Amino acid sequence: MLRFAKVIQPMSYVYSILITVGFTLIVNIVTYFALKKINMIESLKSVE
């Protein structure tokens, strides 16, 4: 059997916050530029 200590370092919280914020920024930037390419007037005219 193998056991690991259940100790969470304070830097683990900082790392998780930084990774979450970084991933969110990347997704928002990619989405922003993808949406800028769409002509909103033309998209309203299309029937789907």
PDB file of N, CA and C in Angstrom:
ATOM      1  N   MET A   1       0.813  -1.177   0.000  1.00  0.00           N
ATOM      2  CA  MET A   1       0.000   0.000   0.000  1.00  0.00           C
ATOM      3  C   MET A   1       0.867   1.255   0.000  1.00  0.00           C
ATOM      4  N   LEU A   2       0.352   2.253  -0.633  1.00  0.00           N
ATOM      5  CA  LEU A   2       1.089   3.503  -0.740  1.00  0.00           C
ATOM      6  C   LEU A   2       0.227   4.638  -0.224  1.00  0.00           C
ATOM      7  N   ARG A   3       0.792   5.474   0.602  1.00  0.00           N
ATOM      8  CA  ARG A   3       0.046   6.612   1.143  1.00  0.00           C
ATOM      9  C   ARG A   3       0.797   7.910   0.849  1.00  0.00           C
ATOM     10  N   PHE A   4       0.022   8.927   0.571  1.00  0.00           N
ATOM     11  CA  PHE A   4       0.581  10.254   0.371  1.00  0.00           C
ATOM     12  C   PHE A   4       0.103  11.167   1.485  1.00  0.00           C
ATOM     13  N   ALA A   5       0.918  12.103   1.865  1.00  0.00           N
ATOM     14  CA  ALA A   5       0.535  13.062   2.900  1.00  0.00           C
ATOM     15  C   ALA A   5      -0.531  13.999   2.356  1.00  0.00           C
ATOM     16  N   LYS A   6      -1.505  14.306   3.202  1.00  0.00           N
ATOM     17  CA  LYS A   6      -2.599  15.204   2.793  1.00  0.00           C
ATOM     18  C   LYS A   6      -2.299  16.637   3.204  1.00  0.00           C
ATOM     19  N   VAL A   7      -1.186  17.135   2.711  1.00  0.00           N
ATOM     20  CA  VAL A   7      -0.771  18.500   3.032  1.00  0.00           C
ATOM     21  C   VAL A   7      -0.821  19.312   1.753  1.00  0.00           C
ATOM     22  N   ILE A   8      -1.589  20.385   1.795  1.00  0.00           N
ATOM     23  CA  ILE A   8      -1.689  21.282   0.636  1.00  0.00           C
ATOM     24  C   ILE A   8      -0.924  22.559   0.966  1.00  0.00           C
ATOM     25  N   GLN A   9       0.058  22.841   0.165  1.00  0.00           N
ATOM     26  CA  GLN A   9       0.866  24.039   0.360  1.00  0.00           C
ATOM     27  C   GLN A   9       0.092  25.269  -0.112  1.00  0.00           C
ATOM     28  N   PRO A  10       0.310  26.427   0.504  1.00  0.00           N
ATOM     29  CA  PRO A  10      -0.367  27.656   0.066  1.00  0.00           C
ATOM     30  C   PRO A  10      -0.055  28.021  -1.386  1.00  0.00           C
ATOM     31  N   MET A  11       1.133  27.669  -1.873  1.00  0.00           N
ATOM     32  CA  MET A  11       1.471  27.981  -3.269  1.00  0.00           C
ATOM     33  C   MET A  11       0.611  27.176  -4.245  1.00  0.00           C
ATOM     34  N   SER A  12       0.061  26.069  -3.800  1.00  0.00           N
ATOM     35  CA  SER A  12      -0.817  25.277  -4.665  1.00  0.00           C
ATOM     36  C   SER A  12      -2.058  26.076  -5.039  1.00  0.00           C
ATOM     37  N   TYR A  13      -2.579  26.854  -4.098  1.00  0.00           N
ATOM     38  CA  TYR A  13      -3.732  27.702  -4.388  1.00  0.00           C
ATOM     39  C   TYR A  13      -3.365  28.791  -5.394  1.00  0.00           C
ATOM     40  N   VAL A  14      -2.190  29.364  -5.230  1.00  0.00           N
ATOM     41  CA  VAL A  14      -1.733  30.408  -6.152  1.00  0.00           C
ATOM     42  C   VAL A  14      -1.568  29.827  -7.556  1.00  0.00           C
ATOM     43  N   TYR A  15      -0.965  28.641  -7.654  1.00  0.00           N
ATOM     44  CA  TYR A  15      -0.784  27.999  -8.959  1.00  0.00           C
ATOM     45  C   TYR A  15      -2.133  27.703  -9.618  1.00  0.00           C
ATOM     46  N   SER A  16      -3.084  27.196  -8.841  1.00  0.00           N
ATOM     47  CA  SER A  16      -4.385  26.869  -9.423  1.00  0.00           C
ATOM     48  C   SER A  16      -5.110  28.121  -9.899  1.00  0.00           C
ATOM     49  N   ILE A  17      -4.994  29.206  -9.156  1.00  0.00           N
ATOM     50  CA  ILE A  17      -5.621  30.471  -9.580  1.00  0.00           C
ATOM     51  C   ILE A  17      -4.963  30.986 -10.856  1.00  0.00           C
ATOM     52  N   LEU A  18      -3.630  30.939 -10.915  1.00  0.00           N
ATOM     53  CA  LEU A  18      -2.916  31.428 -12.104  1.00  0.00           C
ATOM     54  C   LEU A  18      -3.232  30.581 -13.335  1.00  0.00           C
ATOM     55  N   ILE A  19      -3.306  29.279 -13.179  1.00  0.00           N
ATOM     56  CA  ILE A  19      -3.636  28.403 -14.313  1.00  0.00           C
ATOM     57  C   ILE A  19      -5.054  28.668 -14.794  1.00  0.00           C
ATOM     58  N   THR A  20      -5.990  28.840 -13.862  1.00  0.00           N
ATOM     59  CA  THR A  20      -7.379  29.113 -14.236  1.00  0.00           C
ATOM     60  C   THR A  20      -7.516  30.446 -14.958  1.00  0.00           C
ATOM     61  N   VAL A  21      -6.877  31.484 -14.431  1.00  0.00           N
ATOM     62  CA  VAL A  21      -6.946  32.809 -15.058  1.00  0.00           C
ATOM     63  C   VAL A  21      -6.259  32.785 -16.427  1.00  0.00           C
ATOM     64  N   GLY A  22      -5.124  32.113 -16.517  1.00  0.00           N
ATOM     65  CA  GLY A  22      -4.420  32.017 -17.797  1.00  0.00           C
ATOM     66  C   GLY A  22      -5.238  31.310 -18.860  1.00  0.00           C
ATOM     67  N   PHE A  23      -5.846  30.177 -18.490  1.00  0.00           N
ATOM     68  CA  PHE A  23      -6.671  29.437 -19.433  1.00  0.00           C
ATOM     69  C   PHE A  23      -7.884  30.265 -19.855  1.00  0.00           C
ATOM     70  N   THR A  24      -8.492  30.966 -18.905  1.00  0.00           N
ATOM     71  CA  THR A  24      -9.648  31.810 -19.224  1.00  0.00           C
ATOM     72  C   THR A  24      -9.268  32.931 -20.185  1.00  0.00           C
ATOM     73  N   LEU A  25      -8.130  33.558 -19.972  1.00  0.00           N
ATOM     74  CA  LEU A  25      -7.681  34.628 -20.872  1.00  0.00           C
ATOM     75  C   LEU A  25      -7.423  34.100 -22.278  1.00  0.00           C
ATOM     76  N   ILE A  26      -6.795  32.943 -22.377  1.00  0.00           N
ATOM     77  CA  ILE A  26      -6.515  32.365 -23.699  1.00  0.00           C
ATOM     78  C   ILE A  26      -7.813  32.074 -24.439  1.00  0.00           C
ATOM     79  N   VAL A  27      -8.776  31.459 -23.758  1.00  0.00           N
ATOM     80  CA  VAL A  27     -10.057  31.131 -24.393  1.00  0.00           C
ATOM     81  C   VAL A  27     -10.795  32.406 -24.801  1.00  0.00           C
ATOM     82  N   ASN A  28     -10.780  33.423 -23.942  1.00  0.00           N
ATOM     83  CA  ASN A  28     -11.462  34.680 -24.271  1.00  0.00           C
ATOM     84  C   ASN A  28     -10.821  35.382 -25.456  1.00  0.00           C
ATOM     85  N   ILE A  29      -9.509  35.367 -25.554  1.00  0.00           N
ATOM     86  CA  ILE A  29      -8.825  36.007 -26.683  1.00  0.00           C
ATOM     87  C   ILE A  29      -9.141  35.288 -27.983  1.00  0.00           C
ATOM     88  N   VAL A  30      -9.088  33.961 -27.967  1.00  0.00           N
ATOM     89  CA  VAL A  30      -9.399  33.188 -29.173  1.00  0.00           C
ATOM     90  C   VAL A  30     -10.852  33.402 -29.586  1.00  0.00           C
ATOM     91  N   THR A  31     -11.760  33.384 -28.625  1.00  0.00           N
ATOM     92  CA  THR A  31     -13.181  33.587 -28.924  1.00  0.00           C
ATOM     93  C   THR A  31     -13.436  34.992 -29.459  1.00  0.00           C
ATOM     94  N   TYR A  32     -12.763  35.980 -28.895  1.00  0.00           N
ATOM     95  CA  TYR A  32     -12.953  37.356 -29.335  1.00  0.00           C
ATOM     96  C   TYR A  32     -12.596  37.519 -30.814  1.00  0.00           C
ATOM     97  N   PHE A  33     -11.438  36.991 -31.202  1.00  0.00           N
ATOM     98  CA  PHE A  33     -11.026  37.143 -32.595  1.00  0.00           C
ATOM     99  C   PHE A  33     -11.880  36.294 -33.529  1.00  0.00           C
ATOM    100  N   ALA A  34     -12.389  35.172 -33.055  1.00  0.00           N
ATOM    101  CA  ALA A  34     -13.287  34.355 -33.884  1.00  0.00           C
ATOM    102  C   ALA A  34     -14.612  35.077 -34.104  1.00  0.00           C
ATOM    103  N   LEU A  35     -15.107  35.744 -33.084  1.00  0.00           N
ATOM    104  CA  LEU A  35     -16.379  36.465 -33.214  1.00  0.00           C
ATOM    105  C   LEU A  35     -16.233  37.756 -34.014  1.00  0.00           C
ATOM    106  N   LYS A  36     -15.042  38.342 -34.030  1.00  0.00           N
ATOM    107  CA  LYS A  36     -14.828  39.562 -34.819  1.00  0.00           C
ATOM    108  C   LYS A  36     -14.952  39.280 -36.311  1.00  0.00           C
ATOM    109  N   LYS A  37     -14.703  38.049 -36.743  1.00  0.00           N
ATOM    110  CA  LYS A  37     -14.759  37.691 -38.157  1.00  0.00           C
ATOM    111  C   LYS A  37     -16.196  37.504 -38.645  1.00  0.00           C
ATOM    112  N   ILE A  38     -17.140  37.373 -37.729  1.00  0.00           N
ATOM    113  CA  ILE A  38     -18.531  37.118 -38.115  1.00  0.00           C
ATOM    114  C   ILE A  38     -19.236  38.451 -38.354  1.00  0.00           C
ATOM    115  N   ASN A  39     -19.871  38.569 -39.509  1.00  0.00           N
ATOM    116  CA  ASN A  39     -20.666  39.755 -39.807  1.00  0.00           C
ATOM    117  C   ASN A  39     -22.040  39.551 -39.168  1.00  0.00           C
ATOM    118  N   MET A  40     -22.334  40.331 -38.142  1.00  0.00           N
ATOM    119  CA  MET A  40     -23.560  40.128 -37.366  1.00  0.00           C
ATOM    120  C   MET A  40     -24.822  40.426 -38.185  1.00  0.00           C
ATOM    121  N   ILE A  41     -24.757  41.396 -39.065  1.00  0.00           N
ATOM    122  CA  ILE A  41     -25.921  41.721 -39.891  1.00  0.00           C
ATOM    123  C   ILE A  41     -26.243  40.540 -40.816  1.00  0.00           C
ATOM    124  N   GLU A  42     -25.232  39.975 -41.435  1.00  0.00           N
ATOM    125  CA  GLU A  42     -25.443  38.835 -42.334  1.00  0.00           C
ATOM    126  C   GLU A  42     -25.912  37.605 -41.568  1.00  0.00           C
ATOM    127  N   SER A  43     -25.404  37.429 -40.359  1.00  0.00           N
ATOM    128  CA  SER A  43     -25.809  36.253 -39.591  1.00  0.00           C
ATOM    129  C   SER A  43     -27.267  36.334 -39.168  1.00  0.00           C
ATOM    130  N   LEU A  44     -27.793  37.536 -39.001  1.00  0.00           N
ATOM    131  CA  LEU A  44     -29.215  37.685 -38.662  1.00  0.00           C
ATOM    132  C   LEU A  44     -30.103  37.366 -39.874  1.00  0.00           C
ATOM    133  N   LYS A  45     -29.587  37.583 -41.077  1.00  0.00           N
ATOM    134  CA  LYS A  45     -30.374  37.343 -42.274  1.00  0.00           C
ATOM    135  C   LYS A  45     -30.472  35.865 -42.626  1.00  0.00           C
ATOM    136  N   SER A  46     -29.512  35.058 -42.182  1.00  0.00           N
ATOM    137  CA  SER A  46     -29.510  33.646 -42.551  1.00  0.00           C
ATOM    138  C   SER A  46     -30.607  32.890 -41.819  1.00  0.00           C
ATOM    139  N   VAL A  47     -31.209  31.937 -42.531  1.00  0.00           N
ATOM    140  CA  VAL A  47     -32.275  31.131 -41.967  1.00  0.00           C
ATOM    141  C   VAL A  47     -31.690  29.743 -41.681  1.00  0.00           C
ATOM    142  N   GLU A  48     -31.762  29.340 -40.440  1.00  0.00           N
ATOM    143  CA  GLU A  48     -31.249  28.026 -40.062  1.00  0.00           C
ATOM    144  C   GLU A  48     -32.284  27.256 -39.301  1.00  0.00           C
TER     145      GLU A  48
END
